[in-house]
Protein backbone atom coordinates (compact mmCIF):
# COMPACT_ATOMS: atom_id res chain seq x y z
CA MET A 1 -26.06 -4.05 -12.92
CA ILE A 2 -22.74 -2.99 -14.39
CA ALA A 3 -22.93 -1.19 -17.72
CA ILE A 4 -19.39 -0.28 -18.73
CA PRO A 5 -18.84 -0.75 -22.48
CA GLY A 6 -15.91 -3.00 -23.29
CA THR A 7 -15.59 -4.52 -19.81
CA PRO A 8 -16.65 -8.02 -18.74
CA GLY A 9 -18.69 -6.86 -15.74
CA GLY A 10 -17.21 -9.15 -13.16
CA VAL A 11 -14.11 -10.80 -11.75
CA PHE A 12 -12.33 -14.12 -11.48
CA VAL A 13 -11.25 -14.83 -7.90
CA THR A 14 -8.12 -16.92 -7.46
CA GLY A 15 -5.87 -17.63 -4.50
CA THR A 16 -2.23 -18.05 -3.65
CA ASP A 17 -3.07 -21.50 -2.25
CA THR A 18 -5.93 -23.73 -1.15
CA ASP A 19 -7.96 -22.60 1.86
CA VAL A 20 -6.75 -19.00 1.81
CA GLY A 21 -10.29 -17.62 2.03
CA LYS A 22 -11.42 -17.44 -1.61
CA THR A 23 -14.97 -18.55 -0.90
CA LEU A 24 -15.39 -16.08 1.94
CA ALA A 25 -14.01 -13.33 -0.28
CA CYS A 26 -16.40 -14.32 -3.06
CA ALA A 27 -19.34 -14.02 -0.68
CA ALA A 28 -18.22 -10.54 0.35
CA LEU A 29 -17.68 -9.48 -3.27
CA CYS A 30 -21.11 -10.77 -4.31
CA LEU A 31 -22.75 -8.92 -1.45
CA ALA A 32 -20.82 -5.69 -2.04
CA TRP A 33 -21.49 -5.65 -5.77
CA GLY A 34 -24.91 -7.30 -6.03
CA ALA A 35 -23.19 -9.93 -8.15
CA ALA A 36 -24.01 -13.47 -9.16
CA TYR A 37 -21.67 -16.36 -8.27
CA TRP A 38 -20.30 -19.17 -10.41
CA LYS A 39 -17.86 -21.99 -9.65
CA PRO A 40 -16.62 -23.56 -12.92
CA VAL A 41 -15.17 -26.66 -11.22
CA GLN A 42 -16.13 -27.96 -7.77
CA THR A 43 -14.22 -30.86 -6.24
CA GLY A 44 -14.68 -32.57 -2.88
CA ALA A 45 -18.40 -33.20 -3.14
CA ALA A 46 -17.95 -36.51 -1.28
CA THR A 47 -16.69 -34.65 1.78
CA GLY A 48 -19.41 -32.00 1.66
CA ASP A 49 -17.56 -29.26 -0.19
CA ASP A 50 -20.16 -26.99 -1.81
CA ASP A 51 -18.82 -23.50 -2.35
CA THR A 52 -21.94 -22.44 -4.26
CA ALA A 53 -24.24 -23.22 -1.32
CA ARG A 54 -21.84 -21.53 1.10
CA VAL A 55 -21.62 -18.31 -0.89
CA ALA A 56 -25.37 -18.27 -1.48
CA HIS A 57 -25.93 -18.52 2.28
CA LEU A 58 -23.28 -16.07 3.43
CA ALA A 59 -24.19 -13.43 0.83
CA ALA A 60 -27.95 -14.11 1.08
CA LEU A 61 -28.11 -14.42 -2.69
CA PRO A 62 -31.49 -14.80 -4.39
CA PRO A 63 -31.82 -17.85 -6.68
CA SER A 64 -31.39 -15.64 -9.75
CA LEU A 65 -27.81 -14.87 -8.67
CA VAL A 66 -26.81 -18.45 -7.83
CA CYS A 67 -25.35 -20.22 -10.87
CA ALA A 68 -24.94 -23.99 -10.88
CA PRO A 69 -21.31 -25.12 -10.94
CA GLY A 70 -19.93 -26.12 -14.32
CA ARG A 71 -18.55 -29.48 -13.21
CA VAL A 72 -18.77 -31.27 -9.85
CA TYR A 73 -16.45 -34.10 -8.75
CA ARG A 74 -16.45 -36.19 -5.62
CA ASP A 75 -12.79 -36.42 -4.67
CA PRO A 76 -11.23 -33.52 -2.67
CA SER A 77 -8.24 -33.12 -4.98
CA SER A 78 -7.17 -31.14 -8.04
CA PRO A 79 -9.68 -31.00 -10.91
CA GLU A 80 -7.31 -33.12 -13.00
CA ARG A 81 -7.20 -35.95 -10.46
CA ALA A 82 -10.83 -35.68 -9.34
CA ALA A 83 -12.08 -35.93 -12.90
CA ALA A 84 -9.71 -38.77 -13.76
CA LEU A 85 -10.99 -40.79 -10.79
CA GLU A 86 -14.44 -40.62 -12.38
CA GLY A 87 -13.15 -41.50 -15.84
CA GLY A 88 -13.38 -37.97 -17.18
CA GLU A 89 -11.32 -34.91 -17.98
CA VAL A 90 -11.80 -31.20 -17.38
CA LYS A 91 -11.24 -29.17 -20.54
CA VAL A 92 -11.28 -25.40 -20.83
CA GLU A 93 -13.13 -25.61 -24.13
CA ASP A 94 -15.95 -27.53 -22.41
CA LEU A 95 -16.23 -25.03 -19.54
CA LEU A 96 -16.31 -21.83 -21.57
CA PRO A 97 -19.77 -22.41 -23.11
CA LEU A 98 -21.14 -22.85 -19.57
CA LEU A 99 -20.31 -19.26 -18.57
CA PRO A 100 -23.49 -17.71 -17.15
CA SER A 101 -24.80 -14.61 -18.91
CA VAL A 102 -25.77 -12.72 -15.74
CA ARG A 103 -23.66 -9.67 -14.88
CA PRO A 104 -21.97 -8.67 -12.67
CA LEU A 105 -20.50 -12.10 -12.01
CA VAL A 106 -18.00 -13.38 -9.45
CA ILE A 107 -16.21 -16.53 -10.64
CA GLU A 108 -14.29 -18.65 -8.14
CA GLY A 109 -11.36 -20.78 -9.24
CA ALA A 110 -10.12 -24.00 -7.64
CA GLY A 111 -6.94 -23.58 -5.62
CA GLY A 112 -4.17 -21.47 -7.11
CA VAL A 113 -3.39 -20.32 -10.62
CA LEU A 114 -1.34 -23.36 -11.67
CA VAL A 115 -3.71 -26.03 -10.37
CA PRO A 116 -3.98 -28.54 -13.24
CA LEU A 117 -7.26 -29.07 -15.04
CA ASN A 118 -5.77 -31.80 -17.20
CA ALA A 119 -2.37 -32.88 -18.52
CA ARG A 120 -2.14 -29.80 -20.76
CA GLN A 121 -4.20 -27.05 -19.15
CA SER A 122 -4.20 -25.27 -15.79
CA MET A 123 -6.49 -22.82 -14.05
CA LEU A 124 -4.57 -20.05 -15.84
CA ASP A 125 -5.80 -21.37 -19.19
CA LEU A 126 -9.39 -21.18 -17.97
CA MET A 127 -8.84 -17.66 -16.70
CA ARG A 128 -7.42 -16.59 -20.05
CA GLY A 129 -10.29 -18.20 -21.91
CA LEU A 130 -12.91 -16.43 -19.78
CA GLY A 131 -11.12 -13.09 -20.01
CA PHE A 132 -12.27 -11.63 -16.69
CA PRO A 133 -9.97 -9.42 -14.60
CA VAL A 134 -8.62 -11.11 -11.49
CA VAL A 135 -8.82 -10.61 -7.75
CA VAL A 136 -6.14 -12.52 -5.82
CA VAL A 137 -6.90 -13.74 -2.29
CA ALA A 138 -3.78 -14.24 -0.18
CA ARG A 139 -2.92 -15.09 3.39
CA SER A 140 -1.80 -12.14 5.49
CA THR A 141 0.80 -14.13 7.43
CA LEU A 142 4.48 -15.06 6.97
CA GLY A 143 5.24 -16.28 3.45
CA THR A 144 2.50 -14.31 1.78
CA ILE A 145 4.82 -11.83 0.06
CA ASN A 146 6.58 -14.54 -1.93
CA HIS A 147 3.41 -16.48 -2.73
CA THR A 148 1.49 -13.38 -3.75
CA LEU A 149 4.25 -11.95 -5.93
CA LEU A 150 4.66 -15.31 -7.70
CA THR A 151 0.91 -15.41 -8.37
CA LEU A 152 0.88 -11.85 -9.70
CA GLU A 153 3.83 -12.64 -11.97
CA ALA A 154 2.10 -15.72 -13.37
CA LEU A 155 -1.05 -13.73 -14.09
CA ARG A 156 0.82 -10.95 -15.83
CA THR A 157 2.86 -13.40 -17.87
CA ARG A 158 -0.44 -14.66 -19.31
CA GLY A 159 -1.65 -11.13 -20.01
CA LEU A 160 -4.39 -11.11 -17.39
CA SER A 161 -5.62 -7.87 -15.79
CA ILE A 162 -5.41 -7.73 -11.99
CA LEU A 163 -7.99 -5.71 -10.07
CA GLY A 164 -6.25 -6.16 -6.74
CA VAL A 165 -5.47 -8.36 -3.76
CA ILE A 166 -7.55 -9.26 -0.71
CA LEU A 167 -5.52 -10.26 2.36
CA SER A 168 -7.10 -12.82 4.66
CA GLY A 169 -6.06 -13.38 8.28
CA PRO A 170 -4.48 -11.33 11.08
CA LEU A 171 -3.89 -7.75 9.98
CA SER A 172 -0.31 -7.07 8.86
CA ALA A 173 0.54 -3.56 7.70
CA PRO A 174 4.12 -4.53 6.67
CA ASN A 175 2.91 -7.37 4.43
CA ARG A 176 0.21 -5.19 2.92
CA GLU A 177 2.72 -2.45 2.14
CA ALA A 178 5.26 -4.87 0.68
CA ILE A 179 2.71 -6.55 -1.60
CA GLN A 180 1.49 -3.20 -2.90
CA ARG A 181 5.00 -1.84 -3.44
CA HIS A 182 6.73 -4.90 -4.88
CA GLY A 183 3.66 -6.23 -6.68
CA GLY A 184 2.54 -2.92 -8.15
CA VAL A 185 -1.00 -3.81 -7.12
CA ARG A 186 -3.71 -2.43 -4.89
CA VAL A 187 -4.73 -4.28 -1.72
CA LEU A 188 -8.50 -3.92 -1.91
CA ALA A 189 -9.19 -4.99 1.66
CA GLU A 190 -7.80 -6.83 4.66
CA PHE A 191 -10.21 -9.43 6.00
CA GLY A 192 -9.23 -10.04 9.60
CA VAL A 193 -9.97 -13.16 11.62
CA LEU A 194 -13.72 -13.50 12.21
CA PRO A 195 -15.00 -14.88 15.55
CA GLN A 196 -17.83 -16.43 13.54
CA VAL A 197 -18.44 -16.65 9.80
CA THR A 198 -22.04 -15.55 9.37
CA PRO A 199 -24.02 -13.46 6.88
CA GLN A 200 -23.71 -10.58 9.34
CA SER A 201 -19.92 -10.81 9.61
CA VAL A 202 -19.62 -11.15 5.83
CA ALA A 203 -21.65 -7.95 5.48
CA GLY A 204 -18.97 -6.23 7.54
CA LEU A 205 -16.29 -7.47 5.13
CA ALA A 206 -18.32 -6.37 2.13
CA ALA A 207 -18.46 -2.84 3.50
CA GLN A 208 -14.65 -2.59 3.12
CA LEU A 209 -14.67 -3.22 -0.62
CA PRO A 210 -14.49 -0.52 -3.30
CA ALA A 211 -17.16 -0.30 -5.98
CA LEU A 212 -16.72 -2.67 -8.92
CA GLU A 213 -17.37 0.07 -11.47
CA SER A 214 -14.47 2.20 -10.20
CA LEU A 215 -12.11 -0.77 -10.13
CA LEU A 216 -12.95 -1.83 -13.68
CA VAL A 217 -12.55 1.67 -15.05
CA GLU A 218 -9.27 2.15 -13.18
CA THR A 219 -7.81 -1.22 -14.19
CA LEU A 220 -9.08 -1.64 -17.74
CA LYS A 221 -8.80 1.95 -19.00
C-alpha cells in the first residue's frame, strides 16, 4: 500500500471522450499498482454496462479491492440525464461521503471532464471535491492533440494535479511528442490495439506503467 504523507494514494481517471479506453486503462493501473477500483457513477446498466465487473475481471482483483459503484442508473447517457429519467439527481455532495477508504485507489469518471452531473455540476466538480490527481486517457489518432490539450487546460483551470496521459490506439510517435510538448505533461504509456482484451493482455499493458509512488512524489512535490 502507498504510504506517502500528504498524498491521496490514488488517481482519478478521466478521458477526452466516451469510449476512449478509460476502463481498460483503469484495469491496467489497478493491476500495476495493486490498487482498488471505484466508479462513482455508472450509467447504462440496462444495456449491460458494468465497468466495475469488467475491471475486476481484467485485473483479477480480489473482492477486497472491488468497491461498489456510488450510483447506478439504467440509461446509457450522461449522469444528469440518466438520473433524471429515474426521478433523481446526481450531486457531488452526495457522492463524496461514499469514497472508499482503501488505498491505493483508482477512480473512474464517466465520459469527459465536462460531462454534466446535474444542472449546476460537472465531472470536474466531483474531481475537485475528491482531490485526487488525474490521469487522462486519450485516443492516439487524428484529433487527439486538440482534445487532449483542451482537457488538460480544463483540469488546470480547476487547480487539479495531472499525473500524466495514457494514449489508447495505434501507436503515434508524433501525437505523443506533441501532447507532451504542448501540454507540458508526461505520456505514461501508449496502449496499442489489442487482438483480444483479456487478463493476460492487460497484464502486458500494466507492465508499461511507472510506479505510482514515483509519479505522486514527482507530481505533488
